[in-house]
PDB file of all heavy atoms in Angstrom:
ATOM      1  N   ARG A   1     -22.937  90.519 133.033  1.00  0.00           N
ATOM      2  CA  ARG A   1     -22.384  89.275 132.522  1.00  0.00           C
ATOM      3  C   ARG A   1     -22.580  88.106 133.481  1.00  0.00           C
ATOM      4  O   ARG A   1     -22.350  86.948 133.100  1.00  0.00           O
ATOM      5  CB  ARG A   1     -20.901  89.464 132.202  1.00  0.00           C
ATOM      6  CG  ARG A   1     -20.663  90.530 131.133  1.00  0.00           C
ATOM      7  CD  ARG A   1     -19.197  90.588 130.712  1.00  0.00           C
ATOM      8  NE  ARG A   1     -18.953  91.706 129.806  1.00  0.00           N
ATOM      9  CZ  ARG A   1     -19.172  91.666 128.491  1.00  0.00           C
ATOM     10  NH1 ARG A   1     -19.657  90.576 127.937  1.00  0.00           N
ATOM     11  NH2 ARG A   1     -18.910  92.729 127.736  1.00  0.00           N
ATOM     12  N   ARG A   2     -23.020  88.361 134.688  1.00  0.00           N
ATOM     13  CA  ARG A   2     -23.252  87.259 135.629  1.00  0.00           C
ATOM     14  C   ARG A   2     -24.445  86.400 135.214  1.00  0.00           C
ATOM     15  O   ARG A   2     -24.533  85.235 135.620  1.00  0.00           O
ATOM     16  CB  ARG A   2     -23.485  87.807 137.037  1.00  0.00           C
ATOM     17  CG  ARG A   2     -22.255  88.437 137.669  1.00  0.00           C
ATOM     18  CD  ARG A   2     -22.588  89.060 138.999  1.00  0.00           C
ATOM     19  NE  ARG A   2     -23.593  90.121 138.861  1.00  0.00           N
ATOM     20  CZ  ARG A   2     -24.124  90.773 139.897  1.00  0.00           C
ATOM     21  NH1 ARG A   2     -23.775  90.448 141.137  1.00  0.00           N
ATOM     22  NH2 ARG A   2     -25.002  91.741 139.682  1.00  0.00           N
ATOM     23  N   ILE A   3     -25.356  86.965 134.415  1.00  0.00           N
ATOM     24  CA  ILE A   3     -26.519  86.196 133.979  1.00  0.00           C
ATOM     25  C   ILE A   3     -26.435  85.884 132.483  1.00  0.00           C
ATOM     26  O   ILE A   3     -27.440  85.666 131.830  1.00  0.00           O
ATOM     27  CB  ILE A   3     -27.827  86.962 134.314  1.00  0.00           C
ATOM     28  CG1 ILE A   3     -27.738  88.476 133.994  1.00  0.00           C
ATOM     29  CG2 ILE A   3     -28.170  86.822 135.781  1.00  0.00           C
ATOM     30  CD1 ILE A   3     -28.018  88.845 132.614  1.00  0.00           C
ATOM     31  N   GLU A   4     -25.218  85.843 131.950  1.00  0.00           N
ATOM     32  CA  GLU A   4     -25.024  85.558 130.531  1.00  0.00           C
ATOM     33  C   GLU A   4     -24.640  84.097 130.325  1.00  0.00           C
ATOM     34  O   GLU A   4     -23.880  83.512 131.116  1.00  0.00           O
ATOM     35  CB  GLU A   4     -23.934  86.461 129.954  1.00  0.00           C
ATOM     36  CG  GLU A   4     -23.733  86.264 128.460  1.00  0.00           C
ATOM     37  CD  GLU A   4     -22.772  87.263 127.854  1.00  0.00           C
ATOM     38  OE1 GLU A   4     -22.224  88.106 128.607  1.00  0.00           O
ATOM     39  OE2 GLU A   4     -22.563  87.215 126.617  1.00  0.00           O
ATOM     40  N   PHE A   5     -25.143  83.507 129.238  1.00  0.00           N
ATOM     41  CA  PHE A   5     -24.845  82.128 128.860  1.00  0.00           C
ATOM     42  C   PHE A   5     -24.070  82.145 127.551  1.00  0.00           C
ATOM     43  O   PHE A   5     -24.443  82.837 126.600  1.00  0.00           O
ATOM     44  CB  PHE A   5     -26.129  81.313 128.718  1.00  0.00           C
ATOM     45  CG  PHE A   5     -26.923  81.211 130.001  1.00  0.00           C
ATOM     46  CD1 PHE A   5     -27.823  82.202 130.357  1.00  0.00           C
ATOM     47  CD2 PHE A   5     -26.739  80.138 130.858  1.00  0.00           C
ATOM     48  CE1 PHE A   5     -28.546  82.123 131.543  1.00  0.00           C
ATOM     49  CE2 PHE A   5     -27.451  80.043 132.042  1.00  0.00           C
ATOM     50  CZ  PHE A   5     -28.354  81.036 132.392  1.00  0.00           C
ATOM     51  N   ALA A   6     -23.002  81.353 127.509  1.00  0.00           N
ATOM     52  CA  ALA A   6     -22.122  81.373 126.352  1.00  0.00           C
ATOM     53  C   ALA A   6     -22.746  80.702 125.131  1.00  0.00           C
ATOM     54  O   ALA A   6     -22.452  81.091 123.999  1.00  0.00           O
ATOM     55  CB  ALA A   6     -20.791  80.697 126.696  1.00  0.00           C
ATOM     56  N   ARG A   7     -23.590  79.694 125.347  1.00  0.00           N
ATOM     57  CA  ARG A   7     -24.218  78.970 124.233  1.00  0.00           C
ATOM     58  C   ARG A   7     -25.731  79.065 124.319  1.00  0.00           C
ATOM     59  O   ARG A   7     -26.298  79.093 125.415  1.00  0.00           O
ATOM     60  CB  ARG A   7     -23.801  77.498 124.248  1.00  0.00           C
ATOM     61  CG  ARG A   7     -22.310  77.239 124.136  1.00  0.00           C
ATOM     62  CD  ARG A   7     -22.071  75.752 123.890  1.00  0.00           C
ATOM     63  NE  ARG A   7     -22.830  74.931 124.840  1.00  0.00           N
ATOM     64  CZ  ARG A   7     -23.168  73.658 124.613  1.00  0.00           C
ATOM     65  NH1 ARG A   7     -22.843  73.076 123.472  1.00  0.00           N
ATOM     66  NH2 ARG A   7     -23.833  72.973 125.538  1.00  0.00           N
ATOM     67  N   PHE A   8     -26.376  79.087 123.175  1.00  0.00           N
ATOM     68  CA  PHE A   8     -27.841  79.124 123.153  1.00  0.00           C
ATOM     69  C   PHE A   8     -28.417  77.890 123.829  1.00  0.00           C
ATOM     70  O   PHE A   8     -29.404  77.974 124.568  1.00  0.00           O
ATOM     71  CB  PHE A   8     -28.344  79.219 121.712  1.00  0.00           C
ATOM     72  CG  PHE A   8     -29.845  79.267 121.591  1.00  0.00           C
ATOM     73  CD1 PHE A   8     -30.552  80.430 121.873  1.00  0.00           C
ATOM     74  CD2 PHE A   8     -30.559  78.138 121.212  1.00  0.00           C
ATOM     75  CE1 PHE A   8     -31.935  80.475 121.777  1.00  0.00           C
ATOM     76  CE2 PHE A   8     -31.945  78.168 121.105  1.00  0.00           C
ATOM     77  CZ  PHE A   8     -32.635  79.338 121.391  1.00  0.00           C
ATOM     78  N   ALA A   9     -27.797  76.743 123.621  1.00  0.00           N
ATOM     79  CA  ALA A   9     -28.298  75.491 124.205  1.00  0.00           C
ATOM     80  C   ALA A   9     -28.227  75.491 125.723  1.00  0.00           C
ATOM     81  O   ALA A   9     -28.939  74.717 126.381  1.00  0.00           O
ATOM     82  CB  ALA A   9     -27.507  74.306 123.643  1.00  0.00           C
ATOM     83  N   ASP A  10     -27.390  76.359 126.310  1.00  0.00           N
ATOM     84  CA  ASP A  10     -27.253  76.413 127.763  1.00  0.00           C
ATOM     85  C   ASP A  10     -28.208  77.418 128.401  1.00  0.00           C
ATOM     86  O   ASP A  10     -28.316  77.477 129.639  1.00  0.00           O
ATOM     87  CB  ASP A  10     -25.813  76.795 128.144  1.00  0.00           C
ATOM     88  CG  ASP A  10     -24.810  75.738 127.702  1.00  0.00           C
ATOM     89  OD1 ASP A  10     -25.202  74.554 127.605  1.00  0.00           O
ATOM     90  OD2 ASP A  10     -23.651  76.107 127.433  1.00  0.00           O
ATOM     91  N   ALA A  11     -28.884  78.216 127.613  1.00  0.00           N
ATOM     92  CA  ALA A  11     -29.820  79.215 128.152  1.00  0.00           C
ATOM     93  C   ALA A  11     -30.987  78.517 128.827  1.00  0.00           C
ATOM     94  O   ALA A  11     -31.285  77.346 128.542  1.00  0.00           O
ATOM     95  CB  ALA A  11     -30.314  80.115 127.025  1.00  0.00           C
ATOM     96  N   PRO A  12     -31.685  79.205 129.743  1.00  0.00           N
ATOM     97  CA  PRO A  12     -32.849  78.588 130.401  1.00  0.00           C
ATOM     98  C   PRO A  12     -33.860  78.080 129.386  1.00  0.00           C
ATOM     99  O   PRO A  12     -34.059  78.675 128.323  1.00  0.00           O
ATOM    100  CB  PRO A  12     -33.423  79.738 131.241  1.00  0.00           C
ATOM    101  CG  PRO A  12     -32.258  80.641 131.492  1.00  0.00           C
ATOM    102  CD  PRO A  12     -31.405  80.558 130.263  1.00  0.00           C
ATOM    103  N   GLN A  13     -34.500  76.970 129.720  1.00  0.00           N
ATOM    104  CA  GLN A  13     -35.444  76.328 128.803  1.00  0.00           C
ATOM    105  C   GLN A  13     -36.542  77.281 128.369  1.00  0.00           C
ATOM    106  O   GLN A  13     -36.884  77.374 127.180  1.00  0.00           O
ATOM    107  CB  GLN A  13     -36.038  75.095 129.468  1.00  0.00           C
ATOM    108  CG  GLN A  13     -36.928  74.257 128.573  1.00  0.00           C
ATOM    109  CD  GLN A  13     -37.461  73.036 129.313  1.00  0.00           C
ATOM    110  OE1 GLN A  13     -38.335  73.142 130.150  1.00  0.00           O
ATOM    111  NE2 GLN A  13     -36.905  71.880 128.999  1.00  0.00           N
ATOM    112  N   ASP A  14     -37.133  78.016 129.317  1.00  0.00           N
ATOM    113  CA  ASP A  14     -38.209  78.947 128.980  1.00  0.00           C
ATOM    114  C   ASP A  14     -37.714  80.063 128.062  1.00  0.00           C
ATOM    115  O   ASP A  14     -38.451  80.533 127.183  1.00  0.00           O
ATOM    116  CB  ASP A  14     -38.810  79.550 130.254  1.00  0.00           C
ATOM    117  CG  ASP A  14     -39.837  78.629 130.894  1.00  0.00           C
ATOM    118  OD1 ASP A  14     -40.271  77.675 130.227  1.00  0.00           O
ATOM    119  OD2 ASP A  14     -40.198  78.864 132.057  1.00  0.00           O
ATOM    120  N   ALA A  15     -36.458  80.499 128.249  1.00  0.00           N
ATOM    121  CA  ALA A  15     -35.901  81.547 127.402  1.00  0.00           C
ATOM    122  C   ALA A  15     -35.745  81.048 125.967  1.00  0.00           C
ATOM    123  O   ALA A  15     -36.030  81.775 125.001  1.00  0.00           O
ATOM    124  CB  ALA A  15     -34.554  82.008 127.945  1.00  0.00           C
ATOM    125  N   ARG A  16     -35.320  79.802 125.806  1.00  0.00           N
ATOM    126  CA  ARG A  16     -35.176  79.240 124.461  1.00  0.00           C
ATOM    127  C   ARG A  16     -36.538  79.051 123.796  1.00  0.00           C
ATOM    128  O   ARG A  16     -36.699  79.308 122.597  1.00  0.00           O
ATOM    129  CB  ARG A  16     -34.421  77.913 124.541  1.00  0.00           C
ATOM    130  CG  ARG A  16     -32.932  78.092 124.842  1.00  0.00           C
ATOM    131  CD  ARG A  16     -32.189  76.775 124.851  1.00  0.00           C
ATOM    132  NE  ARG A  16     -32.416  76.037 126.085  1.00  0.00           N
ATOM    133  CZ  ARG A  16     -32.910  74.798 126.165  1.00  0.00           C
ATOM    134  NH1 ARG A  16     -33.264  74.159 125.053  1.00  0.00           N
ATOM    135  NH2 ARG A  16     -33.057  74.205 127.323  1.00  0.00           N
ATOM    136  N   PHE A  17     -37.538  78.602 124.576  1.00  0.00           N
ATOM    137  CA  PHE A  17     -38.871  78.435 123.993  1.00  0.00           C
ATOM    138  C   PHE A  17     -39.445  79.781 123.557  1.00  0.00           C
ATOM    139  O   PHE A  17     -39.997  79.907 122.461  1.00  0.00           O
ATOM    140  CB  PHE A  17     -39.812  77.765 124.989  1.00  0.00           C
ATOM    141  CG  PHE A  17     -41.175  77.465 124.425  1.00  0.00           C
ATOM    142  CD1 PHE A  17     -41.389  76.325 123.674  1.00  0.00           C
ATOM    143  CD2 PHE A  17     -42.236  78.344 124.614  1.00  0.00           C
ATOM    144  CE1 PHE A  17     -42.637  76.057 123.119  1.00  0.00           C
ATOM    145  CE2 PHE A  17     -43.481  78.087 124.072  1.00  0.00           C
ATOM    146  CZ  PHE A  17     -43.679  76.929 123.326  1.00  0.00           C
ATOM    147  N   ALA A  18     -39.313  80.803 124.400  1.00  0.00           N
ATOM    148  CA  ALA A  18     -39.804  82.140 124.045  1.00  0.00           C
ATOM    149  C   ALA A  18     -39.108  82.653 122.788  1.00  0.00           C
ATOM    150  O   ALA A  18     -39.737  83.314 121.943  1.00  0.00           O
ATOM    151  CB  ALA A  18     -39.589  83.107 125.204  1.00  0.00           C
ATOM    152  N   THR A  19     -37.832  82.335 122.638  1.00  0.00           N
ATOM    153  CA  THR A  19     -37.105  82.735 121.435  1.00  0.00           C
ATOM    154  C   THR A  19     -37.682  82.058 120.197  1.00  0.00           C
ATOM    155  O   THR A  19     -37.838  82.691 119.136  1.00  0.00           O
ATOM    156  CB  THR A  19     -35.608  82.380 121.572  1.00  0.00           C
ATOM    157  OG1 THR A  19     -35.065  83.057 122.707  1.00  0.00           O
ATOM    158  CG2 THR A  19     -34.836  82.769 120.324  1.00  0.00           C
ATOM    159  N   GLY A  20     -38.032  80.766 120.319  1.00  0.00           N
ATOM    160  CA  GLY A  20     -38.652  80.064 119.199  1.00  0.00           C
ATOM    161  C   GLY A  20     -39.990  80.667 118.813  1.00  0.00           C
ATOM    162  O   GLY A  20     -40.304  80.805 117.621  1.00  0.00           O
ATOM    163  N   VAL A  21     -40.781  81.054 119.815  1.00  0.00           N
ATOM    164  CA  VAL A  21     -42.073  81.685 119.532  1.00  0.00           C
ATOM    165  C   VAL A  21     -41.861  83.031 118.841  1.00  0.00           C
ATOM    166  O   VAL A  21     -42.562  83.377 117.880  1.00  0.00           O
ATOM    167  CB  VAL A  21     -42.887  81.873 120.832  1.00  0.00           C
ATOM    168  CG1 VAL A  21     -44.229  82.536 120.516  1.00  0.00           C
ATOM    169  CG2 VAL A  21     -43.110  80.541 121.531  1.00  0.00           C
ATOM    170  N   ALA A  22     -40.872  83.790 119.320  1.00  0.00           N
ATOM    171  CA  ALA A  22     -40.573  85.079 118.703  1.00  0.00           C
ATOM    172  C   ALA A  22     -40.140  84.901 117.249  1.00  0.00           C
ATOM    173  O   ALA A  22     -40.544  85.681 116.367  1.00  0.00           O
ATOM    174  CB  ALA A  22     -39.486  85.798 119.497  1.00  0.00           C
ATOM    175  N   ALA A  23     -39.326  83.886 116.987  1.00  0.00           N
ATOM    176  CA  ALA A  23     -38.888  83.627 115.618  1.00  0.00           C
ATOM    177  C   ALA A  23     -40.077  83.278 114.721  1.00  0.00           C
ATOM    178  O   ALA A  23     -40.154  83.719 113.559  1.00  0.00           O
ATOM    179  CB  ALA A  23     -37.861  82.494 115.609  1.00  0.00           C
ATOM    180  N   PHE A  24     -41.013  82.493 115.244  1.00  0.00           N
ATOM    181  CA  PHE A  24     -42.224  82.145 114.496  1.00  0.00           C
ATOM    182  C   PHE A  24     -43.004  83.403 114.143  1.00  0.00           C
ATOM    183  O   PHE A  24     -43.442  83.595 112.997  1.00  0.00           O
ATOM    184  CB  PHE A  24     -43.058  81.183 115.328  1.00  0.00           C
ATOM    185  CG  PHE A  24     -44.354  80.748 114.693  1.00  0.00           C
ATOM    186  CD1 PHE A  24     -44.391  80.326 113.378  1.00  0.00           C
ATOM    187  CD2 PHE A  24     -45.538  80.755 115.414  1.00  0.00           C
ATOM    188  CE1 PHE A  24     -45.578  79.912 112.790  1.00  0.00           C
ATOM    189  CE2 PHE A  24     -46.730  80.344 114.853  1.00  0.00           C
ATOM    190  CZ  PHE A  24     -46.749  79.928 113.530  1.00  0.00           C
ATOM    191  N   ALA A  25     -43.177  84.276 115.131  1.00  0.00           N
ATOM    192  CA  ALA A  25     -43.913  85.522 114.896  1.00  0.00           C
ATOM    193  C   ALA A  25     -43.204  86.386 113.858  1.00  0.00           C
ATOM    194  O   ALA A  25     -43.838  86.968 112.966  1.00  0.00           O
ATOM    195  CB  ALA A  25     -44.079  86.282 116.208  1.00  0.00           C
ATOM    196  N   GLU A  26     -41.879  86.475 113.956  1.00  0.00           N
ATOM    197  CA  GLU A  26     -41.129  87.299 113.011  1.00  0.00           C
ATOM    198  C   GLU A  26     -41.263  86.773 111.584  1.00  0.00           C
ATOM    199  O   GLU A  26     -41.373  87.553 110.625  1.00  0.00           O
ATOM    200  CB  GLU A  26     -39.652  87.337 113.427  1.00  0.00           C
ATOM    201  CG  GLU A  26     -39.398  88.026 114.766  1.00  0.00           C
ATOM    202  CD  GLU A  26     -39.685  89.508 114.714  1.00  0.00           C
ATOM    203  OE1 GLU A  26     -38.903  90.242 114.095  1.00  0.00           O
ATOM    204  OE2 GLU A  26     -40.706  89.931 115.287  1.00  0.00           O
ATOM    205  N   LEU A  27     -41.278  85.450 111.424  1.00  0.00           N
ATOM    206  CA  LEU A  27     -41.455  84.876 110.089  1.00  0.00           C
ATOM    207  C   LEU A  27     -42.846  85.183 109.542  1.00  0.00           C
ATOM    208  O   LEU A  27     -43.000  85.503 108.354  1.00  0.00           O
ATOM    209  CB  LEU A  27     -41.226  83.359 110.139  1.00  0.00           C
ATOM    210  CG  LEU A  27     -39.774  82.906 110.334  1.00  0.00           C
ATOM    211  CD1 LEU A  27     -39.711  81.403 110.542  1.00  0.00           C
ATOM    212  CD2 LEU A  27     -38.920  83.311 109.129  1.00  0.00           C
ATOM    213  N   LEU A  28     -43.877  85.097 110.394  1.00  0.00           N
ATOM    214  CA  LEU A  28     -45.237  85.390 109.955  1.00  0.00           C
ATOM    215  C   LEU A  28     -45.382  86.865 109.551  1.00  0.00           C
ATOM    216  O   LEU A  28     -46.204  87.203 108.696  1.00  0.00           O
ATOM    217  CB  LEU A  28     -46.240  85.059 111.062  1.00  0.00           C
ATOM    218  CG  LEU A  28     -46.429  83.577 111.393  1.00  0.00           C
ATOM    219  CD1 LEU A  28     -47.342  83.418 112.608  1.00  0.00           C
ATOM    220  CD2 LEU A  28     -47.013  82.813 110.203  1.00  0.00           C
ATOM    221  N   ARG A  29     -44.573  87.720 110.153  1.00  0.00           N
ATOM    222  CA  ARG A  29     -44.644  89.151 109.853  1.00  0.00           C
ATOM    223  C   ARG A  29     -43.823  89.530 108.616  1.00  0.00           C
ATOM    224  O   ARG A  29     -43.847  90.681 108.192  1.00  0.00           O
ATOM    225  CB  ARG A  29     -44.156  89.971 111.051  1.00  0.00           C
ATOM    226  CG  ARG A  29     -44.977  89.768 112.304  1.00  0.00           C
ATOM    227  CD  ARG A  29     -44.480  90.615 113.455  1.00  0.00           C
ATOM    228  NE  ARG A  29     -44.788  92.018 113.268  1.00  0.00           N
ATOM    229  CZ  ARG A  29     -44.537  92.966 114.175  1.00  0.00           C
ATOM    230  NH1 ARG A  29     -43.983  92.641 115.323  1.00  0.00           N
ATOM    231  NH2 ARG A  29     -44.847  94.217 113.933  1.00  0.00           N
ATOM    232  N   GLY A  30     -43.096  88.577 108.063  1.00  0.00           N
ATOM    233  CA  GLY A  30     -42.322  88.870 106.865  1.00  0.00           C
ATOM    234  C   GLY A  30     -40.847  88.569 106.973  1.00  0.00           C
ATOM    235  O   GLY A  30     -40.124  88.569 105.971  1.00  0.00           O
ATOM    236  N   GLY A  31     -40.353  88.332 108.194  1.00  0.00           N
ATOM    237  CA  GLY A  31     -38.966  87.912 108.373  1.00  0.00           C
ATOM    238  C   GLY A  31     -37.929  88.989 108.149  1.00  0.00           C
ATOM    239  O   GLY A  31     -36.790  88.695 107.772  1.00  0.00           O
ATOM    240  N   LYS A  32     -38.278  90.248 108.393  1.00  0.00           N
ATOM    241  CA  LYS A  32     -37.330  91.337 108.146  1.00  0.00           C
ATOM    242  C   LYS A  32     -36.090  91.225 109.028  1.00  0.00           C
ATOM    243  O   LYS A  32     -34.980  91.547 108.591  1.00  0.00           O
ATOM    244  CB  LYS A  32     -38.038  92.676 108.382  1.00  0.00           C
ATOM    245  CG  LYS A  32     -37.170  93.897 108.111  1.00  0.00           C
ATOM    246  CD  LYS A  32     -37.948  95.185 108.298  1.00  0.00           C
ATOM    247  CE  LYS A  32     -37.098  96.407 108.007  1.00  0.00           C
ATOM    248  NZ  LYS A  32     -37.865  97.675 108.185  1.00  0.00           N
ATOM    249  N   TYR A  33     -36.269  90.789 110.279  1.00  0.00           N
ATOM    250  CA  TYR A  33     -35.157  90.728 111.214  1.00  0.00           C
ATOM    251  C   TYR A  33     -34.867  89.310 111.701  1.00  0.00           C
ATOM    252  O   TYR A  33     -34.184  89.131 112.707  1.00  0.00           O
ATOM    253  CB  TYR A  33     -35.443  91.619 112.427  1.00  0.00           C
ATOM    254  CG  TYR A  33     -35.561  93.089 112.083  1.00  0.00           C
ATOM    255  CD1 TYR A  33     -36.783  93.737 112.192  1.00  0.00           C
ATOM    256  CD2 TYR A  33     -34.462  93.820 111.641  1.00  0.00           C
ATOM    257  CE1 TYR A  33     -36.905  95.093 111.875  1.00  0.00           C
ATOM    258  CE2 TYR A  33     -34.584  95.163 111.320  1.00  0.00           C
ATOM    259  CZ  TYR A  33     -35.807  95.783 111.440  1.00  0.00           C
ATOM    260  OH  TYR A  33     -35.914  97.122 111.122  1.00  0.00           O
ATOM    261  N   SER A  34     -35.383  88.314 111.004  1.00  0.00           N
ATOM    262  CA  SER A  34     -35.204  86.934 111.472  1.00  0.00           C
ATOM    263  C   SER A  34     -33.981  86.258 110.879  1.00  0.00           C
ATOM    264  O   SER A  34     -33.757  85.067 111.102  1.00  0.00           O
ATOM    265  CB  SER A  34     -36.455  86.108 111.146  1.00  0.00           C
ATOM    266  OG  SER A  34     -36.730  86.131 109.754  1.00  0.00           O
ATOM    267  N   GLY A  35     -33.175  86.991 110.117  1.00  0.00           N
ATOM    268  CA  GLY A  35     -31.951  86.429 109.569  1.00  0.00           C
ATOM    269  C   GLY A  35     -32.229  85.260 108.647  1.00  0.00           C
ATOM    270  O   GLY A  35     -33.096  85.322 107.772  1.00  0.00           O
ATOM    271  N   SER A  36     -31.523  84.159 108.862  1.00  0.00           N
ATOM    272  CA  SER A  36     -31.671  82.971 108.021  1.00  0.00           C
ATOM    273  C   SER A  36     -32.625  81.949 108.610  1.00  0.00           C
ATOM    274  O   SER A  36     -32.687  80.814 108.136  1.00  0.00           O
ATOM    275  CB  SER A  36     -30.296  82.324 107.799  1.00  0.00           C
ATOM    276  OG  SER A  36     -29.725  81.941 109.050  1.00  0.00           O
TER     277      SER A  36
END
């Protein structure tokens, strides 16, 4: 928990960008686990 961030907006910039890329990939694959 020492490296945990309470809000997505507070996470490291690179971590948020990588998450956006992952979401893009998940949508291209069909969106089975991409939620809404």
